[in-house]
């Protein structure tokens, strides 16, 4: 994945890379053991996984509280986990570690997933002959406040983002089995990718790429076997947890905003009305580039899904990569500057809002503003994109 032009000797790049990684690891180690950064939600994830590997109920509030009191989190309330039990399988090794060591490992994993996903998105969406566009997108990715807040909280949303990005990347490389297997990571928060997940599965079936389905089922079956090995009662635990699972959170989604304003609760599930859309695009319009479709469906899902916090908006880096690609095709300098400035203004406003407000529900402005930039960039790029590229996109599957 070439982001920069090859003007620097390869050995120099290798040395700089090793040095940078080493310094980053030392810095993260110091942060992990001297601050509460990365603790937030990770306290709940680690506590539940620790109980799971010990054969206990990871959804039991009393047991969760006991574990969290032992590690002296400083929180007045018990941090619970509402994710499907697949999460405990993916975090399994962390359950055997001490909290501080596990937090450090998870911080490193999250940083690696962000950087790796950004590189893969650059490879998927951004033109090879415009390294400045790739560099700008990469800097945007690491500066996005949703990414930073997710790292501060020790969130698992990065697994969902990484899983969907890896699946797209492998599907484009013809590794269909592994593309399907990677989709298993998205199932820890399936509501964030529900439209893209349905689309990719139907798309694989339409193209007779059933190896993708087999990959997802293989990982799913392996995860269920692991769940039974560690706790036979995991299904009962999940059913009990679902009875008390809160669904009335005020989150930065359209349904959450309308509920917060006291207007209605019915819009929380409006995303279900859009389920026919990925079916139609996958089955009847397979000639449309799958990368573009996933970017569009992701942009549609995030603000319209059941619930999702502001740090869950990191998945919007997928449509943002598509926007950067369209900006790169623009020939008129004024249009390119205008769109780039709009993207950077959105980033600055998002940072300022994060610093000045703790009300998460109004963060819904970000995906809505991104809608405007997305459709403006798409419309303008149609007249600027080279004919060869357009024809390739029409032929691509």
Foldseek 3Di string as FASTA:
>chain_A
DDLDDPPDDPVVVVVVVVVVVVVVLVVLLCCLVPHLFQPALVLLLLQLLLQLQVQHQSQDLVSQVVVSVVVPSVDPGRRHDQFAPLSSVVLNVSSVDDPSVSSSVLLVVLVVLLQVLLVLLCVVAADPVCSVLSVVLSVLSVLFVLSVVCRRNNHLLSLLLSLQSVLVSVVVVVVQLVSLLSNLSNRRPVLLQVLLVLLVVLLCVLVVVCSSVVSNVVNVVVSVVVSCVRYVCSVVSSVVSVVVDDQQAQAQAPLSVCVVVVNDNVQLDVVVVCNVVSVCCRNVVSLAASLQVSLVSSLVRNRRTNHDWSSSCSSNSSVVSNLSRLLVLADDPVVSVVLVVLSVVLSVVSVVCVVPDDPGRVSNVSSVSVVVSSVVSVVRSVVRHDPVVVVNSSRHD
